[in-house]
Amino acid sequence: MRVLSILLACRLRLASYLGARGCPAKVGSDLSMLALLKGRYTARLASTPADLHAAQALRYQCFIAGRGLAGQGPGRDADRFDASCLQMLVEEAGSGALACTYRLMPLANGRDINLSYAAQFYDLDGFSVFTAPMMELGRFCIAPDRAPDADLLRVAWGAIARLVDEKGIEILFGCASFDGADPARHHAALQSLAAHHLGPQAMQPRKRHVETVAYAEHRAEFDPRLAQAQTPALLRTYLMMGGWVSDHAVLDRALDTLHVFTALDIAAIPPARARALRAVAV
């Protein structure tokens, strides 16, 4: 009974918060995607400005301070895309400590893809003919003081799976980041992507950013074990589910990172993995 009361209170706070911020209807309509309680962790949507600030503070720790880029400012990683996104918080059930966060931008179809964060860096016009709902996943990070244990990742992806099903999402996409903008540090991983994970030509993003690495044009031998070790955890998860990547990477020197565009056709997820994710999402 106490849990039901808490969920109802969260629902009311979220409705009030979204209404006050004037969020787009596509965001404000997601009131059923409220909370997921599994084992040690809960996943829920940000429902107050304080929740959003907590997510931005964790992002700052991971993407800015953790890379030695901290400077003057409020200690939050915030940008104009936050206002159009659902902010997910994965917290420890007992303490309420924030363990993981990410944001999701639902899009009605491919005609809206230029509203996405990724469209700053990649020409995504190949998606414009896509008529089904899509969703961008971004700013995925785990608190530096904890290991990315299996339970945490299952809950994080289970929450994504629930929203994918509720909104009928058919493509999940985003930018998967490598730590460090020097391509030489990620050579084996990039060569593995070129050899095994390039996307269909008709949907391949074209170059938009000034600084890119066309790793697919300069293939070389690589050590598969080193490639696996160099591949970020989020990107490995995409690839295990059948995701594909762009043929070039973008150098983002402001965040000292190199990233690749990544897309996942929901229908292409292996049935066993899809069932496992949906079991968590129930």
C-alpha atoms as a PDB file:
ATOM      1  CA  MET A   1       0.000   0.000   0.000  1.00  0.00           C
ATOM      2  CA  ARG A   2       2.890   2.338   0.831  1.00  0.00           C
ATOM      3  CA  VAL A   3       4.512   1.627  -2.554  1.00  0.00           C
ATOM      4  CA  LEU A   4       1.265   2.445  -4.371  1.00  0.00           C
ATOM      5  CA  SER A   5       0.993   5.723  -2.468  1.00  0.00           C
ATOM      6  CA  ILE A   6       4.550   6.641  -3.401  1.00  0.00           C
ATOM      7  CA  LEU A   7       3.936   5.878  -7.094  1.00  0.00           C
ATOM      8  CA  LEU A   8       0.741   7.940  -7.102  1.00  0.00           C
ATOM      9  CA  ALA A   9       2.542  10.860  -5.503  1.00  0.00           C
ATOM     10  CA  CYS A  10       5.318  10.607  -8.095  1.00  0.00           C
ATOM     11  CA  ARG A  11       2.734  10.558 -10.891  1.00  0.00           C
ATOM     12  CA  LEU A  12       1.117  13.746  -9.605  1.00  0.00           C
ATOM     13  CA  ARG A  13       4.464  15.499  -9.144  1.00  0.00           C
ATOM     14  CA  LEU A  14       5.511  14.558 -12.669  1.00  0.00           C
ATOM     15  CA  ALA A  15       2.270  15.830 -14.194  1.00  0.00           C
ATOM     16  CA  SER A  16       2.664  19.127 -12.329  1.00  0.00           C
ATOM     17  CA  TYR A  17       6.353  19.442 -13.240  1.00  0.00           C
ATOM     18  CA  LEU A  18       5.886  18.779 -16.948  1.00  0.00           C
ATOM     19  CA  GLY A  19       2.933  21.124 -17.123  1.00  0.00           C
ATOM     20  CA  ALA A  20       4.885  23.895 -15.416  1.00  0.00           C
ATOM     21  CA  ARG A  21       7.809  23.505 -17.811  1.00  0.00           C
ATOM     22  CA  GLY A  22       5.613  23.506 -20.888  1.00  0.00           C
ATOM     23  CA  CYS A  23       7.213  20.285 -22.144  1.00  0.00           C
ATOM     24  CA  PRO A  24       6.162  18.919 -25.549  1.00  0.00           C
ATOM     25  CA  ALA A  25       3.160  16.601 -25.537  1.00  0.00           C
ATOM     26  CA  LYS A  26       5.331  13.669 -26.556  1.00  0.00           C
ATOM     27  CA  VAL A  27       7.196  13.976 -23.253  1.00  0.00           C
ATOM     28  CA  GLY A  28       4.329  14.944 -20.967  1.00  0.00           C
ATOM     29  CA  SER A  29       2.214  11.968 -22.117  1.00  0.00           C
ATOM     30  CA  ASP A  30       4.586   9.401 -20.634  1.00  0.00           C
ATOM     31  CA  LEU A  31       3.031   9.375 -17.161  1.00  0.00           C
ATOM     32  CA  SER A  32       2.690   5.578 -17.120  1.00  0.00           C
ATOM     33  CA  MET A  33       6.449   5.187 -17.526  1.00  0.00           C
ATOM     34  CA  LEU A  34       6.931   6.073 -13.894  1.00  0.00           C
ATOM     35  CA  ALA A  35       8.903   3.654 -11.800  1.00  0.00           C
ATOM     36  CA  LEU A  36      10.525   0.261 -12.108  1.00  0.00           C
ATOM     37  CA  LEU A  37      11.514  -1.492  -8.870  1.00  0.00           C
ATOM     38  CA  LYS A  38      13.798  -4.518  -9.282  1.00  0.00           C
ATOM     39  CA  GLY A  39      16.088  -5.884  -6.599  1.00  0.00           C
ATOM     40  CA  ARG A  40      18.564  -3.295  -5.354  1.00  0.00           C
ATOM     41  CA  TYR A  41      17.566  -0.568  -7.830  1.00  0.00           C
ATOM     42  CA  THR A  42      14.636   1.543  -8.934  1.00  0.00           C
ATOM     43  CA  ALA A  43      14.319   3.396 -12.244  1.00  0.00           C
ATOM     44  CA  ARG A  44      12.036   6.404 -12.509  1.00  0.00           C
ATOM     45  CA  LEU A  45      11.550   9.528 -14.550  1.00  0.00           C
ATOM     46  CA  ALA A  46      12.761  12.839 -13.177  1.00  0.00           C
ATOM     47  CA  SER A  47       9.702  14.547 -11.709  1.00  0.00           C
ATOM     48  CA  THR A  48      11.049  17.797 -10.221  1.00  0.00           C
ATOM     49  CA  PRO A  49      13.703  20.398 -11.059  1.00  0.00           C
ATOM     50  CA  ALA A  50      15.797  18.887  -8.240  1.00  0.00           C
ATOM     51  CA  ASP A  51      15.700  15.507 -10.000  1.00  0.00           C
ATOM     52  CA  LEU A  52      16.882  17.105 -13.234  1.00  0.00           C
ATOM     53  CA  HIS A  53      19.688  18.916 -11.413  1.00  0.00           C
ATOM     54  CA  ALA A  54      20.788  15.648  -9.798  1.00  0.00           C
ATOM     55  CA  ALA A  55      20.982  13.983 -13.223  1.00  0.00           C
ATOM     56  CA  GLN A  56      22.931  16.925 -14.636  1.00  0.00           C
ATOM     57  CA  ALA A  57      25.318  16.861 -11.654  1.00  0.00           C
ATOM     58  CA  LEU A  58      26.081  13.162 -12.202  1.00  0.00           C
ATOM     59  CA  ARG A  59      26.630  13.790 -15.904  1.00  0.00           C
ATOM     60  CA  TYR A  60      29.037  16.579 -14.963  1.00  0.00           C
ATOM     61  CA  GLN A  61      30.992  14.206 -12.724  1.00  0.00           C
ATOM     62  CA  CYS A  62      31.258  11.590 -15.464  1.00  0.00           C
ATOM     63  CA  PHE A  63      31.700  13.612 -18.650  1.00  0.00           C
ATOM     64  CA  ILE A  64      33.443  16.768 -17.477  1.00  0.00           C
ATOM     65  CA  ALA A  65      35.092  16.556 -14.039  1.00  0.00           C
ATOM     66  CA  GLY A  66      36.043  12.918 -14.596  1.00  0.00           C
ATOM     67  CA  ARG A  67      37.960  13.909 -17.717  1.00  0.00           C
ATOM     68  CA  GLY A  68      39.755  16.806 -16.080  1.00  0.00           C
ATOM     69  CA  LEU A  69      37.665  19.391 -17.922  1.00  0.00           C
ATOM     70  CA  ALA A  70      36.050  21.028 -14.897  1.00  0.00           C
ATOM     71  CA  GLY A  71      36.033  24.807 -14.831  1.00  0.00           C
ATOM     72  CA  GLN A  72      33.985  27.643 -13.424  1.00  0.00           C
ATOM     73  CA  GLY A  73      30.252  27.067 -13.331  1.00  0.00           C
ATOM     74  CA  PRO A  74      27.380  25.392 -11.480  1.00  0.00           C
ATOM     75  CA  GLY A  75      28.825  21.866 -11.695  1.00  0.00           C
ATOM     76  CA  ARG A  76      26.052  20.574 -13.968  1.00  0.00           C
ATOM     77  CA  ASP A  77      26.141  19.243 -17.513  1.00  0.00           C
ATOM     78  CA  ALA A  78      23.120  20.942 -19.082  1.00  0.00           C
ATOM     79  CA  ASP A  79      22.153  21.840 -22.636  1.00  0.00           C
ATOM     80  CA  ARG A  80      19.137  22.856 -24.715  1.00  0.00           C
ATOM     81  CA  PHE A  81      18.170  19.231 -25.408  1.00  0.00           C
ATOM     82  CA  ASP A  82      17.264  18.543 -21.779  1.00  0.00           C
ATOM     83  CA  ALA A  83      13.976  20.410 -22.160  1.00  0.00           C
ATOM     84  CA  SER A  84      12.792  17.962 -24.838  1.00  0.00           C
ATOM     85  CA  CYS A  85      13.954  14.764 -23.150  1.00  0.00           C
ATOM     86  CA  LEU A  86      12.747  12.300 -20.568  1.00  0.00           C
ATOM     87  CA  GLN A  87      15.379  12.115 -17.817  1.00  0.00           C
ATOM     88  CA  MET A  88      15.741   8.667 -16.254  1.00  0.00           C
ATOM     89  CA  LEU A  89      17.167   8.149 -12.768  1.00  0.00           C
ATOM     90  CA  VAL A  90      18.322   4.728 -11.579  1.00  0.00           C
ATOM     91  CA  GLU A  91      18.667   4.824  -7.797  1.00  0.00           C
ATOM     92  CA  GLU A  92      19.651   2.462  -5.012  1.00  0.00           C
ATOM     93  CA  ALA A  93      16.393   1.232  -3.512  1.00  0.00           C
ATOM     94  CA  GLY A  94      17.491   1.551   0.102  1.00  0.00           C
ATOM     95  CA  SER A  95      19.475   4.782   0.168  1.00  0.00           C
ATOM     96  CA  GLY A  96      18.001   6.609  -2.826  1.00  0.00           C
ATOM     97  CA  ALA A  97      21.546   7.309  -4.054  1.00  0.00           C
ATOM     98  CA  LEU A  98      21.698   8.076  -7.772  1.00  0.00           C
ATOM     99  CA  ALA A  99      23.595   5.250  -9.477  1.00  0.00           C
ATOM    100  CA  CYS A 100      22.922   5.871 -13.169  1.00  0.00           C
ATOM    101  CA  THR A 101      21.187   8.376 -15.403  1.00  0.00           C
ATOM    102  CA  TYR A 102      20.381   8.864 -19.058  1.00  0.00           C
ATOM    103  CA  ARG A 103      17.973  10.836 -21.178  1.00  0.00           C
ATOM    104  CA  LEU A 104      15.561   9.806 -23.917  1.00  0.00           C
ATOM    105  CA  MET A 105      14.104  11.906 -26.719  1.00  0.00           C
ATOM    106  CA  PRO A 106      11.042  10.302 -28.355  1.00  0.00           C
ATOM    107  CA  LEU A 107      10.443  11.343 -31.967  1.00  0.00           C
ATOM    108  CA  ALA A 108       7.241  10.820 -33.930  1.00  0.00           C
ATOM    109  CA  ASN A 109       9.147   9.590 -36.995  1.00  0.00           C
ATOM    110  CA  GLY A 110      12.263  10.156 -39.077  1.00  0.00           C
ATOM    111  CA  ARG A 111      11.146  13.604 -40.212  1.00  0.00           C
ATOM    112  CA  ASP A 112      11.916  14.828 -36.685  1.00  0.00           C
ATOM    113  CA  ILE A 113      15.431  13.410 -36.537  1.00  0.00           C
ATOM    114  CA  ASN A 114      17.101  16.795 -37.023  1.00  0.00           C
ATOM    115  CA  LEU A 115      15.750  17.764 -33.583  1.00  0.00           C
ATOM    116  CA  SER A 116      18.083  15.199 -31.995  1.00  0.00           C
ATOM    117  CA  TYR A 117      21.428  15.722 -30.294  1.00  0.00           C
ATOM    118  CA  ALA A 118      23.130  13.392 -32.802  1.00  0.00           C
ATOM    119  CA  ALA A 119      22.013  15.532 -35.736  1.00  0.00           C
ATOM    120  CA  GLN A 120      24.503  18.234 -34.646  1.00  0.00           C
ATOM    121  CA  PHE A 121      27.318  15.892 -35.637  1.00  0.00           C
ATOM    122  CA  TYR A 122      25.887  13.632 -38.354  1.00  0.00           C
ATOM    123  CA  ASP A 123      23.812  14.211 -41.476  1.00  0.00           C
ATOM    124  CA  LEU A 124      20.876  11.908 -40.749  1.00  0.00           C
ATOM    125  CA  ASP A 125      18.709  12.663 -43.769  1.00  0.00           C
ATOM    126  CA  GLY A 126      18.679   8.944 -44.605  1.00  0.00           C
ATOM    127  CA  PHE A 127      16.222   8.492 -41.735  1.00  0.00           C
ATOM    128  CA  SER A 128      13.774  11.103 -43.015  1.00  0.00           C
ATOM    129  CA  VAL A 129      11.695   8.492 -44.883  1.00  0.00           C
ATOM    130  CA  PHE A 130      11.255   6.390 -41.740  1.00  0.00           C
ATOM    131  CA  THR A 131       7.587   6.632 -40.719  1.00  0.00           C
ATOM    132  CA  ALA A 132       7.551   4.864 -37.337  1.00  0.00           C
ATOM    133  CA  PRO A 133       8.401   6.321 -33.887  1.00  0.00           C
ATOM    134  CA  MET A 134      12.084   6.606 -32.983  1.00  0.00           C
ATOM    135  CA  MET A 135      13.907   7.488 -29.779  1.00  0.00           C
ATOM    136  CA  GLU A 136      17.343   8.917 -29.023  1.00  0.00           C
ATOM    137  CA  LEU A 137      19.271   7.598 -26.020  1.00  0.00           C
ATOM    138  CA  GLY A 138      21.958   9.899 -24.654  1.00  0.00           C
ATOM    139  CA  ARG A 139      24.126  10.977 -21.739  1.00  0.00           C
ATOM    140  CA  PHE A 140      24.131   7.427 -20.329  1.00  0.00           C
ATOM    141  CA  CYS A 141      26.470   7.349 -17.331  1.00  0.00           C
ATOM    142  CA  ILE A 142      27.080   5.420 -14.116  1.00  0.00           C
ATOM    143  CA  ALA A 143      28.235   7.028 -10.869  1.00  0.00           C
ATOM    144  CA  PRO A 144      32.052   6.879 -10.658  1.00  0.00           C
ATOM    145  CA  ASP A 145      31.959   5.415  -7.147  1.00  0.00           C
ATOM    146  CA  ARG A 146      30.257   2.180  -8.200  1.00  0.00           C
ATOM    147  CA  ALA A 147      30.964  -0.620 -10.621  1.00  0.00           C
ATOM    148  CA  PRO A 148      28.481  -1.151 -13.476  1.00  0.00           C
ATOM    149  CA  ASP A 149      27.077  -4.359 -11.992  1.00  0.00           C
ATOM    150  CA  ALA A 150      24.702  -6.580 -13.943  1.00  0.00           C
ATOM    151  CA  ASP A 151      21.636  -5.686 -11.821  1.00  0.00           C
ATOM    152  CA  LEU A 152      22.154  -1.974 -12.423  1.00  0.00           C
ATOM    153  CA  LEU A 153      22.460  -2.407 -16.179  1.00  0.00           C
ATOM    154  CA  ARG A 154      19.456  -4.740 -16.318  1.00  0.00           C
ATOM    155  CA  VAL A 155      17.242  -2.207 -14.562  1.00  0.00           C
ATOM    156  CA  ALA A 156      18.528   0.645 -16.749  1.00  0.00           C
ATOM    157  CA  TRP A 157      17.813  -1.282 -19.946  1.00  0.00           C
ATOM    158  CA  GLY A 158      14.565  -2.695 -18.579  1.00  0.00           C
ATOM    159  CA  ALA A 159      13.274   0.854 -18.133  1.00  0.00           C
ATOM    160  CA  ILE A 160      14.250   1.637 -21.723  1.00  0.00           C
ATOM    161  CA  ALA A 161      12.486  -1.535 -22.900  1.00  0.00           C
ATOM    162  CA  ARG A 162       9.267  -0.540 -21.134  1.00  0.00           C
ATOM    163  CA  LEU A 163       9.230   2.879 -22.764  1.00  0.00           C
ATOM    164  CA  VAL A 164      10.085   1.375 -26.166  1.00  0.00           C
ATOM    165  CA  ASP A 165       7.064  -0.933 -25.887  1.00  0.00           C
ATOM    166  CA  GLU A 166       4.715   1.743 -24.518  1.00  0.00           C
ATOM    167  CA  LYS A 167       5.483   4.183 -27.315  1.00  0.00           C
ATOM    168  CA  GLY A 168       5.856   1.664 -30.151  1.00  0.00           C
ATOM    169  CA  ILE A 169       9.467   2.719 -30.803  1.00  0.00           C
ATOM    170  CA  GLU A 170      11.035   0.944 -33.767  1.00  0.00           C
ATOM    171  CA  ILE A 171      14.493   2.561 -33.866  1.00  0.00           C
ATOM    172  CA  LEU A 172      16.683   3.416 -30.866  1.00  0.00           C
ATOM    173  CA  PHE A 173      19.705   5.573 -31.700  1.00  0.00           C
ATOM    174  CA  GLY A 174      22.360   7.816 -30.217  1.00  0.00           C
ATOM    175  CA  CYS A 175      26.060   8.648 -29.979  1.00  0.00           C
ATOM    176  CA  ALA A 176      28.275   6.053 -28.267  1.00  0.00           C
ATOM    177  CA  SER A 177      31.332   7.744 -26.764  1.00  0.00           C
ATOM    178  CA  PHE A 178      34.911   6.573 -26.356  1.00  0.00           C
ATOM    179  CA  ASP A 179      36.872   8.127 -23.499  1.00  0.00           C
ATOM    180  CA  GLY A 180      39.498  10.329 -25.154  1.00  0.00           C
ATOM    181  CA  ALA A 181      39.491  12.134 -28.500  1.00  0.00           C
ATOM    182  CA  ASP A 182      42.688  10.480 -29.799  1.00  0.00           C
ATOM    183  CA  PRO A 183      41.616   7.843 -32.369  1.00  0.00           C
ATOM    184  CA  ALA A 184      44.857   5.895 -31.875  1.00  0.00           C
ATOM    185  CA  ARG A 185      43.673   4.912 -28.387  1.00  0.00           C
ATOM    186  CA  HIS A 186      40.671   3.147 -29.917  1.00  0.00           C
ATOM    187  CA  HIS A 187      42.226   1.711 -33.076  1.00  0.00           C
ATOM    188  CA  ALA A 188      41.318  -1.952 -32.505  1.00  0.00           C
ATOM    189  CA  ALA A 189      37.728  -1.145 -31.520  1.00  0.00           C
ATOM    190  CA  LEU A 190      37.215   1.101 -34.567  1.00  0.00           C
ATOM    191  CA  GLN A 191      38.613  -1.557 -36.888  1.00  0.00           C
ATOM    192  CA  SER A 192      36.282  -4.139 -35.350  1.00  0.00           C
ATOM    193  CA  LEU A 193      33.324  -1.818 -35.964  1.00  0.00           C
ATOM    194  CA  ALA A 194      34.389  -1.390 -39.591  1.00  0.00           C
ATOM    195  CA  ALA A 195      34.758  -5.133 -40.084  1.00  0.00           C
ATOM    196  CA  HIS A 196      31.560  -6.317 -38.399  1.00  0.00           C
ATOM    197  CA  HIS A 197      29.067  -3.599 -37.487  1.00  0.00           C
ATOM    198  CA  LEU A 198      28.565  -1.014 -40.244  1.00  0.00           C
ATOM    199  CA  GLY A 199      24.967  -0.065 -40.906  1.00  0.00           C
ATOM    200  CA  PRO A 200      22.976  -0.333 -44.136  1.00  0.00           C
ATOM    201  CA  GLN A 201      24.212   2.017 -46.840  1.00  0.00           C
ATOM    202  CA  ALA A 202      20.814   3.659 -47.347  1.00  0.00           C
ATOM    203  CA  MET A 203      20.732   4.802 -43.697  1.00  0.00           C
ATOM    204  CA  GLN A 204      24.423   5.532 -43.185  1.00  0.00           C
ATOM    205  CA  PRO A 205      24.927   8.998 -41.662  1.00  0.00           C
ATOM    206  CA  ARG A 206      26.915  11.353 -43.854  1.00  0.00           C
ATOM    207  CA  LYS A 207      29.637  13.614 -42.515  1.00  0.00           C
ATOM    208  CA  ARG A 208      28.550  16.909 -40.977  1.00  0.00           C
ATOM    209  CA  HIS A 209      31.175  17.655 -38.316  1.00  0.00           C
ATOM    210  CA  VAL A 210      34.516  19.264 -39.178  1.00  0.00           C
ATOM    211  CA  GLU A 211      36.678  16.684 -37.381  1.00  0.00           C
ATOM    212  CA  THR A 212      35.927  13.080 -38.278  1.00  0.00           C
ATOM    213  CA  VAL A 213      37.761   9.772 -38.512  1.00  0.00           C
ATOM    214  CA  ALA A 214      36.801   7.667 -41.535  1.00  0.00           C
ATOM    215  CA  TYR A 215      37.822   4.390 -39.944  1.00  0.00           C
ATOM    216  CA  ALA A 216      35.854   2.285 -42.434  1.00  0.00           C
ATOM    217  CA  GLU A 217      37.983   3.617 -45.318  1.00  0.00           C
ATOM    218  CA  HIS A 218      41.298   2.501 -43.813  1.00  0.00           C
ATOM    219  CA  ARG A 219      40.823  -1.035 -42.577  1.00  0.00           C
ATOM    220  CA  ALA A 220      43.671  -2.907 -40.934  1.00  0.00           C
ATOM    221  CA  GLU A 221      44.236  -6.005 -38.858  1.00  0.00           C
ATOM    222  CA  PHE A 222      43.297  -5.839 -35.183  1.00  0.00           C
ATOM    223  CA  ASP A 223      43.348  -7.927 -32.027  1.00  0.00           C
ATOM    224  CA  PRO A 224      39.733  -8.985 -31.263  1.00  0.00           C
ATOM    225  CA  ARG A 225      40.400  -9.159 -27.520  1.00  0.00           C
ATOM    226  CA  LEU A 226      41.862  -5.659 -27.498  1.00  0.00           C
ATOM    227  CA  ALA A 227      38.933  -4.441 -29.596  1.00  0.00           C
ATOM    228  CA  GLN A 228      36.495  -5.834 -27.037  1.00  0.00           C
ATOM    229  CA  ALA A 229      38.374  -4.178 -24.180  1.00  0.00           C
ATOM    230  CA  GLN A 230      38.432  -0.803 -25.985  1.00  0.00           C
ATOM    231  CA  THR A 231      34.719  -0.802 -26.826  1.00  0.00           C
ATOM    232  CA  PRO A 232      32.600   1.191 -24.324  1.00  0.00           C
ATOM    233  CA  ALA A 233      30.057  -0.807 -22.321  1.00  0.00           C
ATOM    234  CA  LEU A 234      27.054   1.034 -23.786  1.00  0.00           C
ATOM    235  CA  LEU A 235      28.229   0.376 -27.335  1.00  0.00           C
ATOM    236  CA  ARG A 236      28.879  -3.304 -26.552  1.00  0.00           C
ATOM    237  CA  THR A 237      25.284  -3.588 -25.349  1.00  0.00           C
ATOM    238  CA  TYR A 238      23.957  -2.000 -28.550  1.00  0.00           C
ATOM    239  CA  LEU A 239      26.029  -4.400 -30.658  1.00  0.00           C
ATOM    240  CA  MET A 240      25.009  -7.499 -28.682  1.00  0.00           C
ATOM    241  CA  MET A 241      21.387  -6.621 -29.418  1.00  0.00           C
ATOM    242  CA  GLY A 242      22.035  -6.270 -33.149  1.00  0.00           C
ATOM    243  CA  GLY A 243      22.866  -2.573 -33.377  1.00  0.00           C
ATOM    244  CA  TRP A 244      24.964  -0.987 -36.110  1.00  0.00           C
ATOM    245  CA  VAL A 245      27.265   2.040 -36.373  1.00  0.00           C
ATOM    246  CA  SER A 246      28.250   4.862 -38.716  1.00  0.00           C
ATOM    247  CA  ASP A 247      31.263   4.465 -41.013  1.00  0.00           C
ATOM    248  CA  HIS A 248      33.043   7.379 -39.362  1.00  0.00           C
ATOM    249  CA  ALA A 249      33.612   8.726 -35.873  1.00  0.00           C
ATOM    250  CA  VAL A 250      33.385  12.327 -34.674  1.00  0.00           C
ATOM    251  CA  LEU A 251      35.999  14.036 -32.501  1.00  0.00           C
ATOM    252  CA  ASP A 252      34.341  16.089 -29.767  1.00  0.00           C
ATOM    253  CA  ARG A 253      37.245  17.994 -28.257  1.00  0.00           C
ATOM    254  CA  ALA A 254      35.020  19.990 -25.903  1.00  0.00           C
ATOM    255  CA  LEU A 255      34.273  16.757 -23.999  1.00  0.00           C
ATOM    256  CA  ASP A 256      37.566  15.025 -24.942  1.00  0.00           C
ATOM    257  CA  THR A 257      35.706  12.162 -26.560  1.00  0.00           C
ATOM    258  CA  LEU A 258      35.338  10.350 -29.835  1.00  0.00           C
ATOM    259  CA  HIS A 259      31.908   9.010 -30.683  1.00  0.00           C
ATOM    260  CA  VAL A 260      30.132   6.972 -33.319  1.00  0.00           C
ATOM    261  CA  PHE A 261      26.505   7.120 -34.362  1.00  0.00           C
ATOM    262  CA  THR A 262      24.709   3.958 -33.275  1.00  0.00           C
ATOM    263  CA  ALA A 263      21.265   2.649 -34.208  1.00  0.00           C
ATOM    264  CA  LEU A 264      19.257  -0.362 -33.126  1.00  0.00           C
ATOM    265  CA  ASP A 265      16.302  -1.776 -35.056  1.00  0.00           C
ATOM    266  CA  ILE A 266      14.044  -3.035 -32.252  1.00  0.00           C
ATOM    267  CA  ALA A 267      12.704  -5.819 -34.483  1.00  0.00           C
ATOM    268  CA  ALA A 268      16.279  -7.103 -34.965  1.00  0.00           C
ATOM    269  CA  ILE A 269      16.918  -7.751 -31.246  1.00  0.00           C
ATOM    270  CA  PRO A 270      17.432 -11.511 -30.732  1.00  0.00           C
ATOM    271  CA  PRO A 271      14.214 -12.982 -29.247  1.00  0.00           C
ATOM    272  CA  ALA A 272      15.943 -14.313 -26.118  1.00  0.00           C
ATOM    273  CA  ARG A 273      17.399 -10.876 -25.309  1.00  0.00           C
ATOM    274  CA  ALA A 274      14.080  -9.176 -25.997  1.00  0.00           C
ATOM    275  CA  ARG A 275      12.302 -11.565 -23.625  1.00  0.00           C
ATOM    276  CA  ALA A 276      14.912 -10.977 -20.912  1.00  0.00           C
ATOM    277  CA  LEU A 277      14.556  -7.189 -21.161  1.00  0.00           C
ATOM    278  CA  ARG A 278      10.769  -7.342 -21.090  1.00  0.00           C
ATOM    279  CA  ALA A 279      10.882  -9.630 -18.054  1.00  0.00           C
ATOM    280  CA  VAL A 280      12.738  -6.877 -16.182  1.00  0.00           C
ATOM    281  CA  ALA A 281      10.385  -4.203 -17.532  1.00  0.00           C
ATOM    282  CA  VAL A 282       7.225  -5.853 -16.138  1.00  0.00           C
END
